[in-house]
């Protein structure tokens, strides 16, 4: 509860998005896909 207020982030949504991006990264076949997904993950985190 204390951290939820201090972080002011929808943590469930954030974690779901990151997990989806992780799945996309592990499924990426080409370096371009890996790079694109890696950049998205880097920016979000």
ModelCIF file with pLDDT and N, C-alpha, C, O atoms, coordinates in Angstrom:
data_MODEL
#
_entry.id   MODEL 
#
_entity.id                         1 
_entity.type                       polymer 
_entity.pdbx_number_of_molecules   1 
#
_entity_poly.entity_id                      1 
_entity_poly.type                           'polypeptide(L)' 
_entity_poly.nstd_linkage                   no 
_entity_poly.nstd_monomer                   no 
_entity_poly.pdbx_seq_one_letter_code       
;(UNK)(UNK)(UNK)(UNK)(UNK)(UNK)(UNK)(UNK)(UNK)(UNK)(UNK)(UNK)(UNK)(UNK)(UNK)(UNK)
(UNK)(UNK)(UNK)(UNK)(UNK)(UNK)(UNK)(UNK)(UNK)(UNK)(UNK)(UNK)(UNK)(UNK)(UNK)(UNK)
(UNK)(UNK)(UNK)(UNK)(UNK)(UNK)(UNK)(UNK)(UNK)(UNK)(UNK)(UNK)(UNK)
;
_entity_poly.pdbx_seq_one_letter_code_can   XXXXXXXXXXXXXXXXXXXXXXXXXXXXXXXXXXXXXXXXXXXXX 
_entity_poly.pdbx_strand_id                 A 
#
loop_
_entity_poly_seq.entity_id 
_entity_poly_seq.num 
_entity_poly_seq.mon_id 
_entity_poly_seq.hetero 
1 1  UNK n 
1 2  UNK n 
1 3  UNK n 
1 4  UNK n 
1 5  UNK n 
1 6  UNK n 
1 7  UNK n 
1 8  UNK n 
1 9  UNK n 
1 10 UNK n 
1 11 UNK n 
1 12 UNK n 
1 13 UNK n 
1 14 UNK n 
1 15 UNK n 
1 16 UNK n 
1 17 UNK n 
1 18 UNK n 
1 19 UNK n 
1 20 UNK n 
1 21 UNK n 
1 22 UNK n 
1 23 UNK n 
1 24 UNK n 
1 25 UNK n 
1 26 UNK n 
1 27 UNK n 
1 28 UNK n 
1 29 UNK n 
1 30 UNK n 
1 31 UNK n 
1 32 UNK n 
1 33 UNK n 
1 34 UNK n 
1 35 UNK n 
1 36 UNK n 
1 37 UNK n 
1 38 UNK n 
1 39 UNK n 
1 40 UNK n 
1 41 UNK n 
1 42 UNK n 
1 43 UNK n 
1 44 UNK n 
1 45 UNK n 
#
_struct_asym.id          A 
_struct_asym.entity_id   1 
#
loop_
_ma_qa_metric.id 
_ma_qa_metric.mode 
_ma_qa_metric.name 
_ma_qa_metric.software_group_id 
_ma_qa_metric.type 
1 global pLDDT . pLDDT 
2 local  pLDDT . pLDDT 
#
_ma_qa_metric_global.metric_id      1 
_ma_qa_metric_global.metric_value   89.49 
_ma_qa_metric_global.model_id       1 
_ma_qa_metric_global.ordinal_id     1 
#
loop_
_ma_qa_metric_local.label_asym_id 
_ma_qa_metric_local.label_comp_id 
_ma_qa_metric_local.label_seq_id 
_ma_qa_metric_local.metric_id 
_ma_qa_metric_local.metric_value 
_ma_qa_metric_local.model_id 
_ma_qa_metric_local.ordinal_id 
A UNK 1  2 80.00 1 1  
A UNK 2  2 78.00 1 2  
A UNK 3  2 79.00 1 3  
A UNK 4  2 79.00 1 4  
A UNK 5  2 79.00 1 5  
A UNK 6  2 79.00 1 6  
A UNK 7  2 80.00 1 7  
A UNK 8  2 81.00 1 8  
A UNK 9  2 83.00 1 9  
A UNK 10 2 87.00 1 10 
A UNK 11 2 86.00 1 11 
A UNK 12 2 90.00 1 12 
A UNK 13 2 92.00 1 13 
A UNK 14 2 92.00 1 14 
A UNK 15 2 93.00 1 15 
A UNK 16 2 94.00 1 16 
A UNK 17 2 94.00 1 17 
A UNK 18 2 94.00 1 18 
A UNK 19 2 94.00 1 19 
A UNK 20 2 95.00 1 20 
A UNK 21 2 94.00 1 21 
A UNK 22 2 94.00 1 22 
A UNK 23 2 93.00 1 23 
A UNK 24 2 92.00 1 24 
A UNK 25 2 91.00 1 25 
A UNK 26 2 91.00 1 26 
A UNK 27 2 91.00 1 27 
A UNK 28 2 88.00 1 28 
A UNK 29 2 88.00 1 29 
A UNK 30 2 90.00 1 30 
A UNK 31 2 89.00 1 31 
A UNK 32 2 90.00 1 32 
A UNK 33 2 91.00 1 33 
A UNK 34 2 90.00 1 34 
A UNK 35 2 91.00 1 35 
A UNK 36 2 93.00 1 36 
A UNK 37 2 93.00 1 37 
A UNK 38 2 92.00 1 38 
A UNK 39 2 93.00 1 39 
A UNK 40 2 94.00 1 40 
A UNK 41 2 94.00 1 41 
A UNK 42 2 94.00 1 42 
A UNK 43 2 94.00 1 43 
A UNK 44 2 94.00 1 44 
A UNK 45 2 94.00 1 45 
#
loop_
_atom_site.group_PDB 
_atom_site.id 
_atom_site.type_symbol 
_atom_site.label_atom_id 
_atom_site.label_alt_id 
_atom_site.label_comp_id 
_atom_site.label_asym_id 
_atom_site.label_entity_id 
_atom_site.label_seq_id 
_atom_site.pdbx_PDB_ins_code 
_atom_site.Cartn_x 
_atom_site.Cartn_y 
_atom_site.Cartn_z 
_atom_site.occupancy 
_atom_site.B_iso_or_equiv 
_atom_site.pdbx_formal_charge 
_atom_site.auth_seq_id 
_atom_site.auth_comp_id 
_atom_site.auth_asym_id 
_atom_site.auth_atom_id 
_atom_site.pdbx_PDB_model_num 
ATOM 1   N N  . UNK A 1 1  ? 0.800  -1.236  0.000   1.00 80.00 ? 1  UNK A N  1 
ATOM 2   C CA . UNK A 1 1  ? 0.000  0.000   0.000   1.00 80.00 ? 1  UNK A CA 1 
ATOM 3   C C  . UNK A 1 1  ? 0.831  1.283   0.000   1.00 80.00 ? 1  UNK A C  1 
ATOM 4   O O  . UNK A 1 1  ? 0.540  2.200   -0.768  1.00 80.00 ? 1  UNK A O  1 
ATOM 5   N N  . UNK A 1 2  ? 1.850  1.363   0.841   1.00 78.00 ? 2  UNK A N  1 
ATOM 6   C CA . UNK A 1 2  ? 2.665  2.580   0.881   1.00 78.00 ? 2  UNK A CA 1 
ATOM 7   C C  . UNK A 1 2  ? 3.407  2.800   -0.429  1.00 78.00 ? 2  UNK A C  1 
ATOM 8   O O  . UNK A 1 2  ? 3.479  3.923   -0.928  1.00 78.00 ? 2  UNK A O  1 
ATOM 9   N N  . UNK A 1 3  ? 3.955  1.733   -0.979  1.00 79.00 ? 3  UNK A N  1 
ATOM 10  C CA . UNK A 1 3  ? 4.709  1.854   -2.225  1.00 79.00 ? 3  UNK A CA 1 
ATOM 11  C C  . UNK A 1 3  ? 3.796  2.154   -3.402  1.00 79.00 ? 3  UNK A C  1 
ATOM 12  O O  . UNK A 1 3  ? 4.187  2.872   -4.323  1.00 79.00 ? 3  UNK A O  1 
ATOM 13  N N  . UNK A 1 4  ? 2.590  1.616   -3.384  1.00 79.00 ? 4  UNK A N  1 
ATOM 14  C CA . UNK A 1 4  ? 1.638  1.852   -4.476  1.00 79.00 ? 4  UNK A CA 1 
ATOM 15  C C  . UNK A 1 4  ? 1.359  3.347   -4.609  1.00 79.00 ? 4  UNK A C  1 
ATOM 16  O O  . UNK A 1 4  ? 1.302  3.880   -5.717  1.00 79.00 ? 4  UNK A O  1 
ATOM 17  N N  . UNK A 1 5  ? 1.188  4.015   -3.474  1.00 79.00 ? 5  UNK A N  1 
ATOM 18  C CA . UNK A 1 5  ? 0.929  5.455   -3.480  1.00 79.00 ? 5  UNK A CA 1 
ATOM 19  C C  . UNK A 1 5  ? 2.174  6.221   -3.925  1.00 79.00 ? 5  UNK A C  1 
ATOM 20  O O  . UNK A 1 5  ? 2.085  7.149   -4.728  1.00 79.00 ? 5  UNK A O  1 
ATOM 21  N N  . UNK A 1 6  ? 3.333  5.828   -3.399  1.00 79.00 ? 6  UNK A N  1 
ATOM 22  C CA . UNK A 1 6  ? 4.569  6.553   -3.704  1.00 79.00 ? 6  UNK A CA 1 
ATOM 23  C C  . UNK A 1 6  ? 5.006  6.369   -5.152  1.00 79.00 ? 6  UNK A C  1 
ATOM 24  O O  . UNK A 1 6  ? 5.543  7.295   -5.760  1.00 79.00 ? 6  UNK A O  1 
ATOM 25  N N  . UNK A 1 7  ? 4.779  5.175   -5.713  1.00 80.00 ? 7  UNK A N  1 
ATOM 26  C CA . UNK A 1 7  ? 5.200  4.926   -7.092  1.00 80.00 ? 7  UNK A CA 1 
ATOM 27  C C  . UNK A 1 7  ? 4.261  5.571   -8.107  1.00 80.00 ? 7  UNK A C  1 
ATOM 28  O O  . UNK A 1 7  ? 4.695  5.985   -9.182  1.00 80.00 ? 7  UNK A O  1 
ATOM 29  N N  . UNK A 1 8  ? 3.011  5.654   -7.776  1.00 81.00 ? 8  UNK A N  1 
ATOM 30  C CA . UNK A 1 8  ? 1.975  6.226   -8.652  1.00 81.00 ? 8  UNK A CA 1 
ATOM 31  C C  . UNK A 1 8  ? 2.047  5.679   -10.079 1.00 81.00 ? 8  UNK A C  1 
ATOM 32  O O  . UNK A 1 8  ? 1.998  6.422   -11.059 1.00 81.00 ? 8  UNK A O  1 
ATOM 33  N N  . UNK A 1 9  ? 2.164  4.372   -10.157 1.00 83.00 ? 9  UNK A N  1 
ATOM 34  C CA . UNK A 1 9  ? 2.207  3.667   -11.439 1.00 83.00 ? 9  UNK A CA 1 
ATOM 35  C C  . UNK A 1 9  ? 1.149  2.572   -11.388 1.00 83.00 ? 9  UNK A C  1 
ATOM 36  O O  . UNK A 1 9  ? 0.961  1.936   -10.351 1.00 83.00 ? 9  UNK A O  1 
ATOM 37  N N  . UNK A 1 10 ? 0.461  2.352   -12.500 1.00 87.00 ? 10 UNK A N  1 
ATOM 38  C CA . UNK A 1 10 ? -0.433 1.198   -12.583 1.00 87.00 ? 10 UNK A CA 1 
ATOM 39  C C  . UNK A 1 10 ? 0.461  -0.021  -12.802 1.00 87.00 ? 10 UNK A C  1 
ATOM 40  O O  . UNK A 1 10 ? 0.770  -0.391  -13.934 1.00 87.00 ? 10 UNK A O  1 
ATOM 41  N N  . UNK A 1 11 ? 0.866  -0.632  -11.696 1.00 86.00 ? 11 UNK A N  1 
ATOM 42  C CA . UNK A 1 11 ? 1.883  -1.679  -11.749 1.00 86.00 ? 11 UNK A CA 1 
ATOM 43  C C  . UNK A 1 11 ? 1.417  -2.914  -12.522 1.00 86.00 ? 11 UNK A C  1 
ATOM 44  O O  . UNK A 1 11 ? 2.213  -3.538  -13.224 1.00 86.00 ? 11 UNK A O  1 
ATOM 45  N N  . UNK A 1 12 ? 0.150  -3.269  -12.400 1.00 90.00 ? 12 UNK A N  1 
ATOM 46  C CA . UNK A 1 12 ? -0.338 -4.452  -13.115 1.00 90.00 ? 12 UNK A CA 1 
ATOM 47  C C  . UNK A 1 12 ? -0.249 -4.240  -14.622 1.00 90.00 ? 12 UNK A C  1 
ATOM 48  O O  . UNK A 1 12 ? 0.187  -5.129  -15.355 1.00 90.00 ? 12 UNK A O  1 
ATOM 49  N N  . UNK A 1 13 ? -0.653 -3.085  -15.073 1.00 92.00 ? 13 UNK A N  1 
ATOM 50  C CA . UNK A 1 13 ? -0.604 -2.767  -16.503 1.00 92.00 ? 13 UNK A CA 1 
ATOM 51  C C  . UNK A 1 13 ? 0.852  -2.708  -16.981 1.00 92.00 ? 13 UNK A C  1 
ATOM 52  O O  . UNK A 1 13 ? 1.198  -3.242  -18.035 1.00 92.00 ? 13 UNK A O  1 
ATOM 53  N N  . UNK A 1 14 ? 1.693  -2.048  -16.182 1.00 92.00 ? 14 UNK A N  1 
ATOM 54  C CA . UNK A 1 14 ? 3.101  -1.928  -16.544 1.00 92.00 ? 14 UNK A CA 1 
ATOM 55  C C  . UNK A 1 14 ? 3.750  -3.310  -16.653 1.00 92.00 ? 14 UNK A C  1 
ATOM 56  O O  . UNK A 1 14 ? 4.432  -3.600  -17.636 1.00 92.00 ? 14 UNK A O  1 
ATOM 57  N N  . UNK A 1 15 ? 3.541  -4.155  -15.653 1.00 93.00 ? 15 UNK A N  1 
ATOM 58  C CA . UNK A 1 15 ? 4.137  -5.494  -15.661 1.00 93.00 ? 15 UNK A CA 1 
ATOM 59  C C  . UNK A 1 15 ? 3.616  -6.326  -16.836 1.00 93.00 ? 15 UNK A C  1 
ATOM 60  O O  . UNK A 1 15 ? 4.376  -7.063  -17.464 1.00 93.00 ? 15 UNK A O  1 
ATOM 61  N N  . UNK A 1 16 ? 2.326  -6.208  -17.127 1.00 94.00 ? 16 UNK A N  1 
ATOM 62  C CA . UNK A 1 16 ? 1.758  -6.943  -18.260 1.00 94.00 ? 16 UNK A CA 1 
ATOM 63  C C  . UNK A 1 16 ? 2.389  -6.489  -19.573 1.00 94.00 ? 16 UNK A C  1 
ATOM 64  O O  . UNK A 1 16 ? 2.699  -7.316  -20.431 1.00 94.00 ? 16 UNK A O  1 
ATOM 65  N N  . UNK A 1 17 ? 2.580  -5.181  -19.735 1.00 94.00 ? 17 UNK A N  1 
ATOM 66  C CA . UNK A 1 17 ? 3.208  -4.665  -20.956 1.00 94.00 ? 17 UNK A CA 1 
ATOM 67  C C  . UNK A 1 17 ? 4.648  -5.152  -21.084 1.00 94.00 ? 17 UNK A C  1 
ATOM 68  O O  . UNK A 1 17 ? 5.083  -5.553  -22.164 1.00 94.00 ? 17 UNK A O  1 
ATOM 69  N N  . UNK A 1 18 ? 5.380  -5.113  -19.977 1.00 94.00 ? 18 UNK A N  1 
ATOM 70  C CA . UNK A 1 18 ? 6.780  -5.548  -20.020 1.00 94.00 ? 18 UNK A CA 1 
ATOM 71  C C  . UNK A 1 18 ? 6.860  -7.044  -20.317 1.00 94.00 ? 18 UNK A C  1 
ATOM 72  O O  . UNK A 1 18 ? 7.707  -7.478  -21.098 1.00 94.00 ? 18 UNK A O  1 
ATOM 73  N N  . UNK A 1 19 ? 5.992  -7.823  -19.706 1.00 94.00 ? 19 UNK A N  1 
ATOM 74  C CA . UNK A 1 19 ? 5.996  -9.273  -19.968 1.00 94.00 ? 19 UNK A CA 1 
ATOM 75  C C  . UNK A 1 19 ? 5.647  -9.570  -21.434 1.00 94.00 ? 19 UNK A C  1 
ATOM 76  O O  . UNK A 1 19 ? 6.190  -10.494 -22.040 1.00 94.00 ? 19 UNK A O  1 
ATOM 77  N N  . UNK A 1 20 ? 4.747  -8.780  -21.979 1.00 95.00 ? 20 UNK A N  1 
ATOM 78  C CA . UNK A 1 20 ? 4.415  -8.943  -23.401 1.00 95.00 ? 20 UNK A CA 1 
ATOM 79  C C  . UNK A 1 20 ? 5.621  -8.587  -24.271 1.00 95.00 ? 20 UNK A C  1 
ATOM 80  O O  . UNK A 1 20 ? 5.912  -9.272  -25.251 1.00 95.00 ? 20 UNK A O  1 
ATOM 81  N N  . UNK A 1 21 ? 6.318  -7.509  -23.905 1.00 94.00 ? 21 UNK A N  1 
ATOM 82  C CA . UNK A 1 21 ? 7.522  -7.140  -24.650 1.00 94.00 ? 21 UNK A CA 1 
ATOM 83  C C  . UNK A 1 21 ? 8.621  -8.190  -24.511 1.00 94.00 ? 21 UNK A C  1 
ATOM 84  O O  . UNK A 1 21 ? 9.366  -8.444  -25.457 1.00 94.00 ? 21 UNK A O  1 
ATOM 85  N N  . UNK A 1 22 ? 8.720  -8.797  -23.332 1.00 94.00 ? 22 UNK A N  1 
ATOM 86  C CA . UNK A 1 22 ? 9.706  -9.868  -23.136 1.00 94.00 ? 22 UNK A CA 1 
ATOM 87  C C  . UNK A 1 22 ? 9.373  -11.046 -24.051 1.00 94.00 ? 22 UNK A C  1 
ATOM 88  O O  . UNK A 1 22 ? 10.258 -11.647 -24.659 1.00 94.00 ? 22 UNK A O  1 
ATOM 89  N N  . UNK A 1 23 ? 8.094  -11.358 -24.137 1.00 93.00 ? 23 UNK A N  1 
ATOM 90  C CA . UNK A 1 23 ? 7.661  -12.438 -25.028 1.00 93.00 ? 23 UNK A CA 1 
ATOM 91  C C  . UNK A 1 23 ? 8.001  -12.101 -26.480 1.00 93.00 ? 23 UNK A C  1 
ATOM 92  O O  . UNK A 1 23 ? 8.479  -12.953 -27.229 1.00 93.00 ? 23 UNK A O  1 
ATOM 93  N N  . UNK A 1 24 ? 7.751  -10.858 -26.863 1.00 92.00 ? 24 UNK A N  1 
ATOM 94  C CA . UNK A 1 24 ? 8.091  -10.425 -28.230 1.00 92.00 ? 24 UNK A CA 1 
ATOM 95  C C  . UNK A 1 24 ? 9.593  -10.525 -28.470 1.00 92.00 ? 24 UNK A C  1 
ATOM 96  O O  . UNK A 1 24 ? 10.034 -10.917 -29.550 1.00 92.00 ? 24 UNK A O  1 
ATOM 97  N N  . UNK A 1 25 ? 10.371 -10.168 -27.455 1.00 91.00 ? 25 UNK A N  1 
ATOM 98  C CA . UNK A 1 25 ? 11.827 -10.219 -27.589 1.00 91.00 ? 25 UNK A CA 1 
ATOM 99  C C  . UNK A 1 25 ? 12.304 -11.657 -27.743 1.00 91.00 ? 25 UNK A C  1 
ATOM 100 O O  . UNK A 1 25 ? 13.172 -11.940 -28.569 1.00 91.00 ? 25 UNK A O  1 
ATOM 101 N N  . UNK A 1 26 ? 11.748 -12.551 -26.963 1.00 91.00 ? 26 UNK A N  1 
ATOM 102 C CA . UNK A 1 26 ? 12.185 -13.948 -27.066 1.00 91.00 ? 26 UNK A CA 1 
ATOM 103 C C  . UNK A 1 26 ? 11.736 -14.579 -28.385 1.00 91.00 ? 26 UNK A C  1 
ATOM 104 O O  . UNK A 1 26 ? 12.366 -15.517 -28.872 1.00 91.00 ? 26 UNK A O  1 
ATOM 105 N N  . UNK A 1 27 ? 10.646 -14.064 -28.962 1.00 91.00 ? 27 UNK A N  1 
ATOM 106 C CA . UNK A 1 27 ? 10.165 -14.569 -30.257 1.00 91.00 ? 27 UNK A CA 1 
ATOM 107 C C  . UNK A 1 27 ? 10.861 -13.903 -31.447 1.00 91.00 ? 27 UNK A C  1 
ATOM 108 O O  . UNK A 1 27 ? 10.732 -14.376 -32.576 1.00 91.00 ? 27 UNK A O  1 
ATOM 109 N N  . UNK A 1 28 ? 11.589 -12.820 -31.210 1.00 88.00 ? 28 UNK A N  1 
ATOM 110 C CA . UNK A 1 28 ? 12.232 -12.073 -32.302 1.00 88.00 ? 28 UNK A CA 1 
ATOM 111 C C  . UNK A 1 28 ? 13.255 -12.950 -33.016 1.00 88.00 ? 28 UNK A C  1 
ATOM 112 O O  . UNK A 1 28 ? 14.082 -13.609 -32.385 1.00 88.00 ? 28 UNK A O  1 
ATOM 113 N N  . UNK A 1 29 ? 13.183 -12.944 -34.332 1.00 88.00 ? 29 UNK A N  1 
ATOM 114 C CA . UNK A 1 29 ? 14.080 -13.768 -35.148 1.00 88.00 ? 29 UNK A CA 1 
ATOM 115 C C  . UNK A 1 29 ? 15.205 -12.939 -35.765 1.00 88.00 ? 29 UNK A C  1 
ATOM 116 O O  . UNK A 1 29 ? 16.356 -13.373 -35.801 1.00 88.00 ? 29 UNK A O  1 
ATOM 117 N N  . UNK A 1 30 ? 14.872 -11.765 -36.242 1.00 90.00 ? 30 UNK A N  1 
ATOM 118 C CA . UNK A 1 30 ? 15.866 -10.949 -36.934 1.00 90.00 ? 30 UNK A CA 1 
ATOM 119 C C  . UNK A 1 30 ? 16.491 -9.943  -35.967 1.00 90.00 ? 30 UNK A C  1 
ATOM 120 O O  . UNK A 1 30 ? 15.874 -9.573  -34.969 1.00 90.00 ? 30 UNK A O  1 
ATOM 121 N N  . UNK A 1 31 ? 17.698 -9.508  -36.259 1.00 89.00 ? 31 UNK A N  1 
ATOM 122 C CA . UNK A 1 31 ? 18.316 -8.474  -35.426 1.00 89.00 ? 31 UNK A CA 1 
ATOM 123 C C  . UNK A 1 31 ? 17.480 -7.196  -35.360 1.00 89.00 ? 31 UNK A C  1 
ATOM 124 O O  . UNK A 1 31 ? 17.467 -6.516  -34.334 1.00 89.00 ? 31 UNK A O  1 
ATOM 125 N N  . UNK A 1 32 ? 16.777 -6.866  -36.456 1.00 90.00 ? 32 UNK A N  1 
ATOM 126 C CA . UNK A 1 32 ? 15.946 -5.660  -36.462 1.00 90.00 ? 32 UNK A CA 1 
ATOM 127 C C  . UNK A 1 32 ? 14.794 -5.792  -35.457 1.00 90.00 ? 32 UNK A C  1 
ATOM 128 O O  . UNK A 1 32 ? 14.483 -4.834  -34.749 1.00 90.00 ? 32 UNK A O  1 
ATOM 129 N N  . UNK A 1 33 ? 14.168 -6.958  -35.388 1.00 91.00 ? 33 UNK A N  1 
ATOM 130 C CA . UNK A 1 33 ? 13.093 -7.184  -34.416 1.00 91.00 ? 33 UNK A CA 1 
ATOM 131 C C  . UNK A 1 33 ? 13.630 -7.120  -32.980 1.00 91.00 ? 33 UNK A C  1 
ATOM 132 O O  . UNK A 1 33 ? 13.001 -6.534  -32.099 1.00 91.00 ? 33 UNK A O  1 
ATOM 133 N N  . UNK A 1 34 ? 14.792 -7.726  -32.762 1.00 90.00 ? 34 UNK A N  1 
ATOM 134 C CA . UNK A 1 34 ? 15.413 -7.708  -31.436 1.00 90.00 ? 34 UNK A CA 1 
ATOM 135 C C  . UNK A 1 34 ? 15.737 -6.279  -31.023 1.00 90.00 ? 34 UNK A C  1 
ATOM 136 O O  . UNK A 1 34 ? 15.505 -5.877  -29.882 1.00 90.00 ? 34 UNK A O  1 
ATOM 137 N N  . UNK A 1 35 ? 16.269 -5.532  -31.960 1.00 91.00 ? 35 UNK A N  1 
ATOM 138 C CA . UNK A 1 35 ? 16.643 -4.147  -31.676 1.00 91.00 ? 35 UNK A CA 1 
ATOM 139 C C  . UNK A 1 35 ? 15.411 -3.294  -31.385 1.00 91.00 ? 35 UNK A C  1 
ATOM 140 O O  . UNK A 1 35 ? 15.405 -2.510  -30.437 1.00 91.00 ? 35 UNK A O  1 
ATOM 141 N N  . UNK A 1 36 ? 14.374 -3.446  -32.197 1.00 93.00 ? 36 UNK A N  1 
ATOM 142 C CA . UNK A 1 36 ? 13.149 -2.669  -31.994 1.00 93.00 ? 36 UNK A CA 1 
ATOM 143 C C  . UNK A 1 36 ? 12.520 -2.992  -30.634 1.00 93.00 ? 36 UNK A C  1 
ATOM 144 O O  . UNK A 1 36 ? 12.153 -2.081  -29.891 1.00 93.00 ? 36 UNK A O  1 
ATOM 145 N N  . UNK A 1 37 ? 12.395 -4.259  -30.310 1.00 93.00 ? 37 UNK A N  1 
ATOM 146 C CA . UNK A 1 37 ? 11.794 -4.659  -29.037 1.00 93.00 ? 37 UNK A CA 1 
ATOM 147 C C  . UNK A 1 37 ? 12.690 -4.268  -27.865 1.00 93.00 ? 37 UNK A C  1 
ATOM 148 O O  . UNK A 1 37 ? 12.203 -3.857  -26.813 1.00 93.00 ? 37 UNK A O  1 
ATOM 149 N N  . UNK A 1 38 ? 13.980 -4.397  -28.052 1.00 92.00 ? 38 UNK A N  1 
ATOM 150 C CA . UNK A 1 38 ? 14.922 -3.993  -26.999 1.00 92.00 ? 38 UNK A CA 1 
ATOM 151 C C  . UNK A 1 38 ? 14.835 -2.509  -26.694 1.00 92.00 ? 38 UNK A C  1 
ATOM 152 O O  . UNK A 1 38 ? 14.900 -2.097  -25.536 1.00 92.00 ? 38 UNK A O  1 
ATOM 153 N N  . UNK A 1 39 ? 14.688 -1.718  -27.730 1.00 93.00 ? 39 UNK A N  1 
ATOM 154 C CA . UNK A 1 39 ? 14.559 -0.272  -27.521 1.00 93.00 ? 39 UNK A CA 1 
ATOM 155 C C  . UNK A 1 39 ? 13.255 0.081   -26.804 1.00 93.00 ? 39 UNK A C  1 
ATOM 156 O O  . UNK A 1 39 ? 13.230 0.974   -25.957 1.00 93.00 ? 39 UNK A O  1 
ATOM 157 N N  . UNK A 1 40 ? 12.186 -0.612  -27.142 1.00 94.00 ? 40 UNK A N  1 
ATOM 158 C CA . UNK A 1 40 ? 10.907 -0.379  -26.465 1.00 94.00 ? 40 UNK A CA 1 
ATOM 159 C C  . UNK A 1 40 ? 11.021 -0.734  -24.985 1.00 94.00 ? 40 UNK A C  1 
ATOM 160 O O  . UNK A 1 40 ? 10.600 0.033   -24.119 1.00 94.00 ? 40 UNK A O  1 
ATOM 161 N N  . UNK A 1 41 ? 11.596 -1.904  -24.704 1.00 94.00 ? 41 UNK A N  1 
ATOM 162 C CA . UNK A 1 41 ? 11.780 -2.323  -23.311 1.00 94.00 ? 41 UNK A CA 1 
ATOM 163 C C  . UNK A 1 41 ? 12.662 -1.335  -22.550 1.00 94.00 ? 41 UNK A C  1 
ATOM 164 O O  . UNK A 1 41 ? 12.351 -0.955  -21.421 1.00 94.00 ? 41 UNK A O  1 
ATOM 165 N N  . UNK A 1 42 ? 13.752 -0.928  -23.170 1.00 94.00 ? 42 UNK A N  1 
ATOM 166 C CA . UNK A 1 42 ? 14.668 0.022   -22.537 1.00 94.00 ? 42 UNK A CA 1 
ATOM 167 C C  . UNK A 1 42 ? 13.947 1.317   -22.190 1.00 94.00 ? 42 UNK A C  1 
ATOM 168 O O  . UNK A 1 42 ? 14.108 1.847   -21.090 1.00 94.00 ? 42 UNK A O  1 
ATOM 169 N N  . UNK A 1 43 ? 13.160 1.821   -23.120 1.00 94.00 ? 43 UNK A N  1 
ATOM 170 C CA . UNK A 1 43 ? 12.444 3.085   -22.884 1.00 94.00 ? 43 UNK A CA 1 
ATOM 171 C C  . UNK A 1 43 ? 11.411 2.937   -21.769 1.00 94.00 ? 43 UNK A C  1 
ATOM 172 O O  . UNK A 1 43 ? 11.287 3.819   -20.920 1.00 94.00 ? 43 UNK A O  1 
ATOM 173 N N  . UNK A 1 44 ? 10.677 1.839   -21.764 1.00 94.00 ? 44 UNK A N  1 
ATOM 174 C CA . UNK A 1 44 ? 9.635  1.653   -20.744 1.00 94.00 ? 44 UNK A CA 1 
ATOM 175 C C  . UNK A 1 44 ? 10.239 1.502   -19.349 1.00 94.00 ? 44 UNK A C  1 
ATOM 176 O O  . UNK A 1 44 ? 9.755  2.095   -18.385 1.00 94.00 ? 44 UNK A O  1 
ATOM 177 N N  . UNK A 1 45 ? 11.283 0.717   -19.257 1.00 94.00 ? 45 UNK A N  1 
ATOM 178 C CA . UNK A 1 45 ? 11.895 0.503   -17.935 1.00 94.00 ? 45 UNK A CA 1 
ATOM 179 C C  . UNK A 1 45 ? 12.627 1.759   -17.484 1.00 94.00 ? 45 UNK A C  1 
ATOM 180 O O  . UNK A 1 45 ? 13.208 1.778   -16.398 1.00 94.00 ? 45 UNK A O  1 
#
